Amino acid sequence: MPLVTAGQVEQFHHEGYFILELAIPKDIVAALLSECMRMVGERDREMEAKGITTDHITHYKKRYFIHGRDADSPIMTNFLFSDLMAEICRATLGDTAYLFHEQYVVKAADADTKFAWHQDSGYVGHYHRAYLSCWCALDDMTVENGTVYILPYSRDGRSAKDDIIDHTVEERSNDKVGYKGDDPGIPAIVPAGSIVVFSSRTFHRSGANLTDQYRRSYLAQYSAEPIMNRDGSALWGRAEPILQKGARVRPPI
């Protein structure tokens, strides 16, 4: 049986998302968690050395966005280029796919860790073909610990699902905000090892972590073609092939 069903593919194209529960094996979740906490420690030391408590959208001891460190981690590389992620890409993007971006998203036990409504495409800031976001739950996700909320296409008020909405920057948090309506969205109440799969055009947010434990996720993003900067002179992110002609290109390390 395929991991991604025809019904989920249809939901992705019509509503912008679907959820795969318990898709990541427990040993892989544990390994990704170990790498996550190692990198949180490294990020703390870097910010302490600079004497800062805010770096873009990372806030010291509150929430962390840690990206670009997979080259030093066979565990992360194996996961990013695995058969599992290739199958999700094939079902949603087609027979050609590239790794575009990856990052750990971590919320400490702090009431000031919410993240505003946005499209991932809003952070690129110029028109591009929609890409794929795979939000991988490394802890059991609840409303209390600040899980992700999804706003389906049919509820976001847009005239066209491919629109990239203008985002404004929220003072203090530095979050970009693209939806100001009153729909609360759909919370992803899922166990660790689940993947929330959504388009870069899909609005999503997350609540604050009101528990006494970390809330940890790993975001893997893929594109159907290289995404360039505004003037087309360079890549905006990454473009490392995972699929070519439907076959996984890069074997795990």
Protein backbone atom coordinates (compact mmCIF):
# COMPACT_ATOMS: atom_id res chain seq x y z
CA MET A 1 0.00 0.00 0.00
CA PRO A 2 1.32 3.48 -0.80
CA LEU A 3 2.14 5.71 2.14
CA VAL A 4 0.25 8.63 0.58
CA THR A 5 -3.25 7.75 -0.62
CA ALA A 6 -5.10 9.17 -3.61
CA GLY A 7 -7.52 10.84 -1.19
CA GLN A 8 -4.67 12.61 0.59
CA VAL A 9 -3.23 13.82 -2.72
CA GLU A 10 -6.65 15.19 -3.66
CA GLN A 11 -6.93 16.93 -0.27
CA PHE A 12 -3.47 18.43 -0.76
CA HIS A 13 -4.42 19.96 -4.10
CA HIS A 14 -7.87 21.18 -2.98
CA GLU A 15 -7.24 22.20 0.64
CA GLY A 16 -3.47 22.58 0.82
CA TYR A 17 -2.55 19.88 3.34
CA PHE A 18 -2.87 16.35 4.68
CA ILE A 19 -1.51 14.47 7.71
CA LEU A 20 0.46 11.22 7.89
CA GLU A 21 0.24 9.83 11.41
CA LEU A 22 3.17 7.79 12.81
CA ALA A 23 5.02 7.84 9.47
CA ILE A 24 8.52 8.21 10.95
CA PRO A 25 9.96 5.14 12.73
CA LYS A 26 10.54 5.56 16.46
CA ASP A 27 14.30 5.08 16.22
CA ILE A 28 14.55 7.85 13.63
CA VAL A 29 12.45 10.16 15.81
CA ALA A 30 14.78 9.49 18.75
CA ALA A 31 17.87 10.16 16.62
CA LEU A 32 16.43 13.43 15.25
CA LEU A 33 15.54 14.51 18.81
CA SER A 34 19.09 13.89 19.96
CA GLU A 35 20.49 16.01 17.13
CA CYS A 36 17.89 18.68 17.86
CA MET A 37 18.94 19.16 21.47
CA ARG A 38 22.61 19.15 20.52
CA MET A 39 21.92 22.01 18.13
CA VAL A 40 19.80 23.94 20.62
CA GLY A 41 22.81 23.85 22.96
CA GLU A 42 25.08 25.08 20.19
CA ARG A 43 22.64 27.89 19.34
CA ASP A 44 22.48 29.00 22.97
CA ARG A 45 26.28 29.21 23.16
CA GLU A 46 26.45 31.18 19.90
CA MET A 47 23.91 33.73 21.13
CA GLU A 48 25.57 33.99 24.52
CA ALA A 49 28.93 34.66 22.86
CA LYS A 50 27.34 37.49 20.83
CA GLY A 51 25.49 38.87 23.83
CA ILE A 52 22.11 38.72 22.08
CA THR A 53 18.70 37.32 22.99
CA THR A 54 17.00 37.75 19.60
CA ASP A 55 18.28 36.70 16.19
CA HIS A 56 15.64 37.27 13.48
CA ILE A 57 12.80 34.96 14.61
CA THR A 58 14.86 32.95 17.13
CA HIS A 59 14.46 34.09 20.75
CA TYR A 60 16.93 32.85 23.37
CA LYS A 61 15.52 30.17 25.70
CA LYS A 62 12.05 30.65 24.14
CA ARG A 63 11.91 29.45 20.55
CA TYR A 64 14.48 28.31 18.02
CA PHE A 65 14.67 28.08 14.23
CA ILE A 66 17.88 26.19 13.45
CA HIS A 67 18.71 25.48 9.82
CA GLY A 68 21.56 24.61 7.51
CA ARG A 69 23.36 22.19 9.83
CA ASP A 70 22.44 18.89 8.21
CA ALA A 71 25.80 18.68 6.41
CA ASP A 72 27.34 17.86 9.79
CA SER A 73 24.73 15.24 10.64
CA PRO A 74 24.40 11.93 8.79
CA ILE A 75 21.22 11.36 10.81
CA MET A 76 19.56 14.45 9.35
CA THR A 77 20.90 13.81 5.84
CA ASN A 78 19.65 10.24 5.87
CA PHE A 79 16.20 11.45 6.84
CA LEU A 80 16.02 14.35 4.36
CA PHE A 81 16.94 12.08 1.41
CA SER A 82 15.13 8.96 2.62
CA ASP A 83 12.66 6.79 0.73
CA LEU A 84 9.97 8.17 3.06
CA MET A 85 10.54 11.79 2.06
CA ALA A 86 11.01 10.84 -1.59
CA GLU A 87 7.61 9.14 -1.60
CA ILE A 88 5.90 12.23 -0.15
CA CYS A 89 7.61 14.43 -2.74
CA ARG A 90 6.64 12.10 -5.58
CA ALA A 91 2.98 12.11 -4.51
CA THR A 92 2.75 15.89 -4.19
CA LEU A 93 5.38 17.50 -6.43
CA GLY A 94 5.79 14.89 -9.15
CA ASP A 95 8.80 13.06 -10.55
CA THR A 96 11.32 15.88 -9.99
CA ALA A 97 12.06 17.30 -6.55
CA TYR A 98 14.82 19.17 -4.74
CA LEU A 99 15.61 19.79 -1.10
CA PHE A 100 14.88 23.50 -0.68
CA HIS A 101 15.26 24.14 3.06
CA GLU A 102 15.31 22.35 6.41
CA GLN A 103 15.16 23.51 10.01
CA TYR A 104 14.42 22.48 13.55
CA VAL A 105 11.59 24.47 15.11
CA VAL A 106 11.73 24.27 18.90
CA LYS A 107 9.57 25.87 21.57
CA ALA A 108 10.78 25.98 25.14
CA ALA A 109 8.37 26.03 28.06
CA ASP A 110 7.36 29.67 27.75
CA ALA A 111 4.06 31.46 27.16
CA ASP A 112 5.73 33.77 24.61
CA THR A 113 6.33 31.14 21.92
CA LYS A 114 3.38 31.45 19.56
CA PHE A 115 4.04 31.89 15.83
CA ALA A 116 1.83 34.08 13.65
CA TRP A 117 -0.37 33.13 10.67
CA HIS A 118 1.77 33.01 7.53
CA GLN A 119 2.46 31.27 4.26
CA ASP A 120 5.95 29.83 3.95
CA SER A 121 6.01 31.49 0.52
CA GLY A 122 5.58 34.82 2.33
CA TYR A 123 9.11 34.47 3.71
CA VAL A 124 10.51 34.17 0.18
CA GLY A 125 8.92 37.47 -0.67
CA HIS A 126 8.53 37.22 -4.46
CA TYR A 127 6.55 34.99 -6.80
CA HIS A 128 7.73 31.40 -7.22
CA ARG A 129 6.17 28.03 -7.85
CA ALA A 130 4.66 26.62 -4.65
CA TYR A 131 6.92 24.26 -2.73
CA LEU A 132 6.29 21.54 -0.16
CA SER A 133 6.56 21.75 3.62
CA CYS A 134 6.78 18.57 5.70
CA TRP A 135 6.35 19.47 9.39
CA CYS A 136 7.61 16.46 11.31
CA ALA A 137 6.42 16.08 14.90
CA LEU A 138 9.23 14.90 17.18
CA ASP A 139 7.06 15.13 20.30
CA ASP A 140 3.41 14.29 20.85
CA MET A 141 1.64 17.45 19.71
CA THR A 142 -1.19 19.11 21.63
CA VAL A 143 -2.92 22.47 21.83
CA GLU A 144 -1.19 23.00 25.19
CA ASN A 145 2.36 22.59 23.85
CA GLY A 146 1.80 24.77 20.78
CA THR A 147 1.13 22.48 17.87
CA VAL A 148 0.76 23.76 14.32
CA TYR A 149 -2.64 24.93 13.06
CA ILE A 150 -3.61 24.66 9.39
CA LEU A 151 -6.06 26.94 7.55
CA PRO A 152 -7.52 25.04 4.56
CA TYR A 153 -7.76 26.84 1.23
CA SER A 154 -11.56 26.78 1.43
CA ARG A 155 -11.51 28.81 4.66
CA ASP A 156 -8.84 31.46 4.07
CA GLY A 157 -10.86 33.88 1.93
CA ARG A 158 -8.54 33.96 -1.08
CA SER A 159 -9.86 34.13 -4.63
CA ALA A 160 -7.11 31.81 -5.90
CA LYS A 161 -5.19 29.17 -3.95
CA ASP A 162 -1.92 30.02 -5.73
CA ASP A 163 -1.91 33.61 -4.42
CA ILE A 164 1.00 34.77 -2.28
CA ILE A 165 -0.50 37.25 0.15
CA ASP A 166 1.43 40.35 1.21
CA HIS A 167 2.82 39.82 4.72
CA THR A 168 3.61 42.44 7.33
CA VAL A 169 6.30 42.10 10.00
CA GLU A 170 5.01 41.85 13.56
CA GLU A 171 6.90 44.14 15.92
CA ARG A 172 8.83 42.46 18.74
CA SER A 173 8.52 38.89 17.43
CA ASN A 174 9.74 39.65 13.86
CA ASP A 175 7.11 37.17 12.60
CA LYS A 176 5.62 37.77 9.18
CA VAL A 177 1.82 37.90 9.26
CA GLY A 178 -0.33 37.19 6.21
CA TYR A 179 -3.77 36.30 7.60
CA LYS A 180 -5.68 38.56 9.97
CA GLY A 181 -9.06 36.83 9.95
CA ASP A 182 -10.76 35.18 12.90
CA ASP A 183 -10.75 31.54 11.76
CA PRO A 184 -8.72 29.61 14.39
CA GLY A 185 -7.63 26.92 11.93
CA ILE A 186 -7.33 23.17 12.49
CA PRO A 187 -4.87 22.04 15.20
CA ALA A 188 -2.67 19.06 14.36
CA ILE A 189 -3.17 16.87 17.43
CA VAL A 190 -0.78 14.09 16.42
CA PRO A 191 1.65 11.67 18.06
CA ALA A 192 5.41 11.94 17.66
CA GLY A 193 6.53 10.59 14.29
CA SER A 194 3.64 12.15 12.37
CA ILE A 195 4.09 14.48 9.40
CA VAL A 196 1.85 17.43 8.57
CA VAL A 197 2.28 17.92 4.80
CA PHE A 198 1.25 21.28 3.32
CA SER A 199 1.87 23.66 0.46
CA SER A 200 3.98 26.77 0.86
CA ARG A 201 0.79 28.68 -0.04
CA THR A 202 -1.12 27.23 2.93
CA PHE A 203 -1.65 29.51 5.92
CA HIS A 204 -0.51 28.04 9.22
CA ARG A 205 0.39 29.20 12.71
CA SER A 206 1.23 27.71 16.08
CA GLY A 207 0.27 28.43 19.66
CA ALA A 208 2.44 29.03 22.69
CA ASN A 209 4.00 26.16 24.62
CA LEU A 210 2.21 26.25 27.97
CA THR A 211 3.70 22.99 29.25
CA ASP A 212 6.92 22.42 31.20
CA GLN A 213 8.57 20.45 28.37
CA TYR A 214 10.13 21.30 24.99
CA ARG A 215 7.95 21.10 21.87
CA ARG A 216 10.16 20.00 18.98
CA SER A 217 9.57 19.57 15.26
CA TYR A 218 11.71 19.24 12.15
CA LEU A 219 10.67 21.03 8.97
CA ALA A 220 11.82 19.56 5.64
CA GLN A 221 10.92 21.55 2.52
CA TYR A 222 11.16 20.49 -1.12
CA SER A 223 10.55 22.20 -4.46
CA ALA A 224 9.65 20.92 -7.92
CA GLU A 225 12.24 23.23 -9.46
CA PRO A 226 15.09 25.41 -8.19
CA ILE A 227 13.74 28.59 -6.62
CA MET A 228 15.72 31.65 -7.60
CA ASN A 229 16.07 35.06 -5.98
CA ARG A 230 14.03 38.01 -7.21
CA ASP A 231 16.31 38.93 -10.14
CA GLY A 232 17.08 35.32 -11.08
CA SER A 233 20.79 35.69 -10.50
CA ALA A 234 21.19 33.08 -7.74
CA LEU A 235 19.36 30.40 -5.78
CA TRP A 236 17.11 31.72 -3.03
CA GLY A 237 17.52 28.57 -0.98
CA ARG A 238 18.90 25.13 -1.85
CA ALA A 239 18.32 22.89 -4.86
CA GLU A 240 19.74 19.44 -4.03
CA PRO A 241 17.95 16.73 -6.01
CA ILE A 242 16.05 14.00 -4.22
CA LEU A 243 13.97 12.84 -7.22
CA GLN A 244 14.74 12.73 -10.92
CA LYS A 245 12.38 10.95 -13.34
CA GLY A 246 10.59 9.56 -10.29
CA ALA A 247 13.62 7.80 -8.81
CA ARG A 248 15.36 8.82 -5.61
CA VAL A 249 18.67 10.36 -6.61
CA ARG A 250 20.79 10.70 -3.53
CA PRO A 251 21.28 7.59 -1.40
CA PRO A 252 21.43 8.00 2.39
CA ILE A 253 24.94 8.33 3.86
